[in-house]
Amino acid sequence: MAQFKTQVTSYGQAAEFLGNRNGRTIAHNTTVERRSADFIAVQLYGTDVVGFHADGRVVLRSGGWETVTTKDRINACLPGGYAVTQKDFAWSLHEYGPDGVDVPFTDGMVVNA
């Protein structure tokens, strides 16, 4: 999993990491970018792979780049209880817990933290 300078798994953590800046590097080729007053994105190269909304929604995107690095960056930012997994080249969002739900990954899917 990615070793970030700080943990960023929510809007609040991302806002604290940014402070009064609009962007800041968090890992190799990965930045945290303030897009608006209530939206902060984690960007890998040119793709916002994770978007944190102030209301607690977390939006996930691969931008069509379903790579090990993209999955790693998304997983490093997911709130506890979730992970993007892969089986036979297909990505899924796994929700841990007694039911262990797997949902096929789609760009723009939302996790409600």
C-alpha atoms as a PDB file:
ATOM      1  CA  MET A   1       0.000   0.000   0.000  1.00  0.00           C
ATOM      2  CA  ALA A   2       1.125   3.563  -0.675  1.00  0.00           C
ATOM      3  CA  GLN A   3       3.146   5.221   2.033  1.00  0.00           C
ATOM      4  CA  PHE A   4       1.647   8.697   2.263  1.00  0.00           C
ATOM      5  CA  LYS A   5       3.137  11.584   4.226  1.00  0.00           C
ATOM      6  CA  THR A   6      -0.046  11.601   6.300  1.00  0.00           C
ATOM      7  CA  GLN A   7      -3.295   9.664   6.414  1.00  0.00           C
ATOM      8  CA  VAL A   8      -5.966  11.083   4.112  1.00  0.00           C
ATOM      9  CA  THR A   9      -9.182   9.076   4.252  1.00  0.00           C
ATOM     10  CA  SER A  10     -11.738  11.863   4.676  1.00  0.00           C
ATOM     11  CA  TYR A  11     -12.488  15.443   3.700  1.00  0.00           C
ATOM     12  CA  GLY A  12     -11.390  16.633   7.155  1.00  0.00           C
ATOM     13  CA  GLN A  13      -8.038  14.868   6.980  1.00  0.00           C
ATOM     14  CA  ALA A  14      -7.455  16.147   3.448  1.00  0.00           C
ATOM     15  CA  ALA A  15      -8.330  19.716   4.477  1.00  0.00           C
ATOM     16  CA  GLU A  16      -6.002  19.476   7.480  1.00  0.00           C
ATOM     17  CA  PHE A  17      -3.201  18.128   5.259  1.00  0.00           C
ATOM     18  CA  LEU A  18      -3.639  21.020   2.811  1.00  0.00           C
ATOM     19  CA  GLY A  19      -3.946  23.731   5.438  1.00  0.00           C
ATOM     20  CA  ASN A  20      -4.207  27.012   3.510  1.00  0.00           C
ATOM     21  CA  ARG A  21      -2.689  25.522   0.327  1.00  0.00           C
ATOM     22  CA  ASN A  22      -4.614  24.536  -2.791  1.00  0.00           C
ATOM     23  CA  GLY A  23      -2.383  21.558  -3.598  1.00  0.00           C
ATOM     24  CA  ARG A  24       0.263  19.440  -1.982  1.00  0.00           C
ATOM     25  CA  THR A  25       2.223  16.303  -2.921  1.00  0.00           C
ATOM     26  CA  ILE A  26       1.370  13.267  -0.833  1.00  0.00           C
ATOM     27  CA  ALA A  27       3.244  10.503  -2.705  1.00  0.00           C
ATOM     28  CA  HIS A  28       5.111   9.914  -5.968  1.00  0.00           C
ATOM     29  CA  ASN A  29       3.032  11.426  -8.812  1.00  0.00           C
ATOM     30  CA  THR A  30       0.153  11.894  -6.359  1.00  0.00           C
ATOM     31  CA  THR A  31      -1.202  15.179  -5.055  1.00  0.00           C
ATOM     32  CA  VAL A  32      -4.056  16.375  -2.887  1.00  0.00           C
ATOM     33  CA  GLU A  33      -5.869  19.245  -4.636  1.00  0.00           C
ATOM     34  CA  ARG A  34      -8.565  21.592  -3.338  1.00  0.00           C
ATOM     35  CA  ARG A  35     -11.164  21.828  -6.131  1.00  0.00           C
ATOM     36  CA  SER A  36     -13.726  23.945  -4.253  1.00  0.00           C
ATOM     37  CA  ALA A  37     -14.687  24.885  -0.707  1.00  0.00           C
ATOM     38  CA  ASP A  38     -16.425  21.527  -0.237  1.00  0.00           C
ATOM     39  CA  PHE A  39     -14.454  19.175  -2.506  1.00  0.00           C
ATOM     40  CA  ILE A  40     -10.859  17.906  -2.309  1.00  0.00           C
ATOM     41  CA  ALA A  41      -9.375  15.371  -4.720  1.00  0.00           C
ATOM     42  CA  VAL A  42      -6.452  12.970  -4.603  1.00  0.00           C
ATOM     43  CA  GLN A  43      -4.928  13.098  -8.068  1.00  0.00           C
ATOM     44  CA  LEU A  44      -2.668  10.456  -9.604  1.00  0.00           C
ATOM     45  CA  TYR A  45      -1.054  11.934 -12.699  1.00  0.00           C
ATOM     46  CA  GLY A  46      -4.036  13.719 -14.303  1.00  0.00           C
ATOM     47  CA  THR A  47      -6.847  11.650 -12.800  1.00  0.00           C
ATOM     48  CA  ASP A  48      -8.796  12.449  -9.644  1.00  0.00           C
ATOM     49  CA  VAL A  49      -8.777   8.898  -8.268  1.00  0.00           C
ATOM     50  CA  VAL A  50     -10.471   9.802  -4.981  1.00  0.00           C
ATOM     51  CA  GLY A  51     -12.742  12.747  -4.308  1.00  0.00           C
ATOM     52  CA  PHE A  52     -13.692  13.828  -0.792  1.00  0.00           C
ATOM     53  CA  HIS A  53     -16.870  15.844  -0.346  1.00  0.00           C
ATOM     54  CA  ALA A  54     -17.460  17.859   2.821  1.00  0.00           C
ATOM     55  CA  ASP A  55     -20.736  15.948   3.357  1.00  0.00           C
ATOM     56  CA  GLY A  56     -18.785  12.672   3.778  1.00  0.00           C
ATOM     57  CA  ARG A  57     -19.175  11.169   0.299  1.00  0.00           C
ATOM     58  CA  VAL A  58     -16.043   9.634  -1.209  1.00  0.00           C
ATOM     59  CA  VAL A  59     -16.044   9.282  -5.017  1.00  0.00           C
ATOM     60  CA  LEU A  60     -13.752   6.719  -6.660  1.00  0.00           C
ATOM     61  CA  ARG A  61     -12.383   6.839 -10.212  1.00  0.00           C
ATOM     62  CA  SER A  62      -9.756   4.948 -12.176  1.00  0.00           C
ATOM     63  CA  GLY A  63     -10.032   7.100 -15.282  1.00  0.00           C
ATOM     64  CA  GLY A  64      -9.737   3.861 -17.234  1.00  0.00           C
ATOM     65  CA  TRP A  65      -6.331   3.166 -15.673  1.00  0.00           C
ATOM     66  CA  GLU A  66      -7.048   0.011 -13.683  1.00  0.00           C
ATOM     67  CA  THR A  67      -3.416  -0.422 -12.678  1.00  0.00           C
ATOM     68  CA  VAL A  68      -1.738  -1.634  -9.516  1.00  0.00           C
ATOM     69  CA  THR A  69      -0.706   1.940  -8.693  1.00  0.00           C
ATOM     70  CA  THR A  70      -4.200   3.358  -9.217  1.00  0.00           C
ATOM     71  CA  LYS A  71      -5.717   0.663  -7.006  1.00  0.00           C
ATOM     72  CA  ASP A  72      -3.003   1.266  -4.408  1.00  0.00           C
ATOM     73  CA  ARG A  73      -3.694   5.019  -4.259  1.00  0.00           C
ATOM     74  CA  ILE A  74      -7.460   4.470  -3.996  1.00  0.00           C
ATOM     75  CA  ASN A  75      -7.034   1.885  -1.224  1.00  0.00           C
ATOM     76  CA  ALA A  76      -4.709   4.199   0.715  1.00  0.00           C
ATOM     77  CA  CYS A  77      -7.498   6.806   0.782  1.00  0.00           C
ATOM     78  CA  LEU A  78     -10.531   4.625   1.425  1.00  0.00           C
ATOM     79  CA  PRO A  79     -12.213   4.921   4.797  1.00  0.00           C
ATOM     80  CA  GLY A  80     -11.924   1.895   7.068  1.00  0.00           C
ATOM     81  CA  GLY A  81     -13.997  -1.089   6.110  1.00  0.00           C
ATOM     82  CA  TYR A  82     -13.503  -0.780   2.346  1.00  0.00           C
ATOM     83  CA  ALA A  83     -10.936  -1.961  -0.209  1.00  0.00           C
ATOM     84  CA  VAL A  84     -10.718  -2.195  -3.978  1.00  0.00           C
ATOM     85  CA  THR A  85      -9.882  -5.796  -4.826  1.00  0.00           C
ATOM     86  CA  GLN A  86      -9.161  -7.606  -8.071  1.00  0.00           C
ATOM     87  CA  LYS A  87     -10.003 -11.079  -9.305  1.00  0.00           C
ATOM     88  CA  ASP A  88      -9.484 -12.278 -12.878  1.00  0.00           C
ATOM     89  CA  PHE A  89      -8.655  -8.713 -13.994  1.00  0.00           C
ATOM     90  CA  ALA A  90     -11.984  -7.342 -12.691  1.00  0.00           C
ATOM     91  CA  TRP A  91     -12.011  -4.729  -9.941  1.00  0.00           C
ATOM     92  CA  SER A  92     -14.544  -4.776  -7.110  1.00  0.00           C
ATOM     93  CA  LEU A  93     -15.223  -2.603  -4.109  1.00  0.00           C
ATOM     94  CA  HIS A  94     -15.205  -4.871  -1.073  1.00  0.00           C
ATOM     95  CA  GLU A  95     -17.014  -3.843   2.092  1.00  0.00           C
ATOM     96  CA  TYR A  96     -15.698  -5.723   5.099  1.00  0.00           C
ATOM     97  CA  GLY A  97     -18.046  -6.912   7.776  1.00  0.00           C
ATOM     98  CA  PRO A  98     -20.336  -9.833   8.492  1.00  0.00           C
ATOM     99  CA  ASP A  99     -21.866  -9.747   5.002  1.00  0.00           C
ATOM    100  CA  GLY A 100     -18.621  -9.140   3.061  1.00  0.00           C
ATOM    101  CA  VAL A 101     -20.272  -7.415   0.095  1.00  0.00           C
ATOM    102  CA  ASP A 102     -18.405  -7.095  -3.254  1.00  0.00           C
ATOM    103  CA  VAL A 103     -19.667  -4.584  -5.818  1.00  0.00           C
ATOM    104  CA  PRO A 104     -18.191  -4.321  -9.342  1.00  0.00           C
ATOM    105  CA  PHE A 105     -16.014  -1.211  -9.574  1.00  0.00           C
ATOM    106  CA  THR A 106     -17.298   1.614 -11.768  1.00  0.00           C
ATOM    107  CA  ASP A 107     -15.849   5.071 -12.241  1.00  0.00           C
ATOM    108  CA  GLY A 108     -17.765   7.564 -10.156  1.00  0.00           C
ATOM    109  CA  MET A 109     -18.937   5.068  -7.556  1.00  0.00           C
ATOM    110  CA  VAL A 110     -19.611   6.605  -4.148  1.00  0.00           C
ATOM    111  CA  VAL A 111     -18.716   5.381  -0.685  1.00  0.00           C
ATOM    112  CA  ASN A 112     -20.584   7.040   2.145  1.00  0.00           C
ATOM    113  CA  ALA A 113     -18.122   7.248   5.002  1.00  0.00           C
END
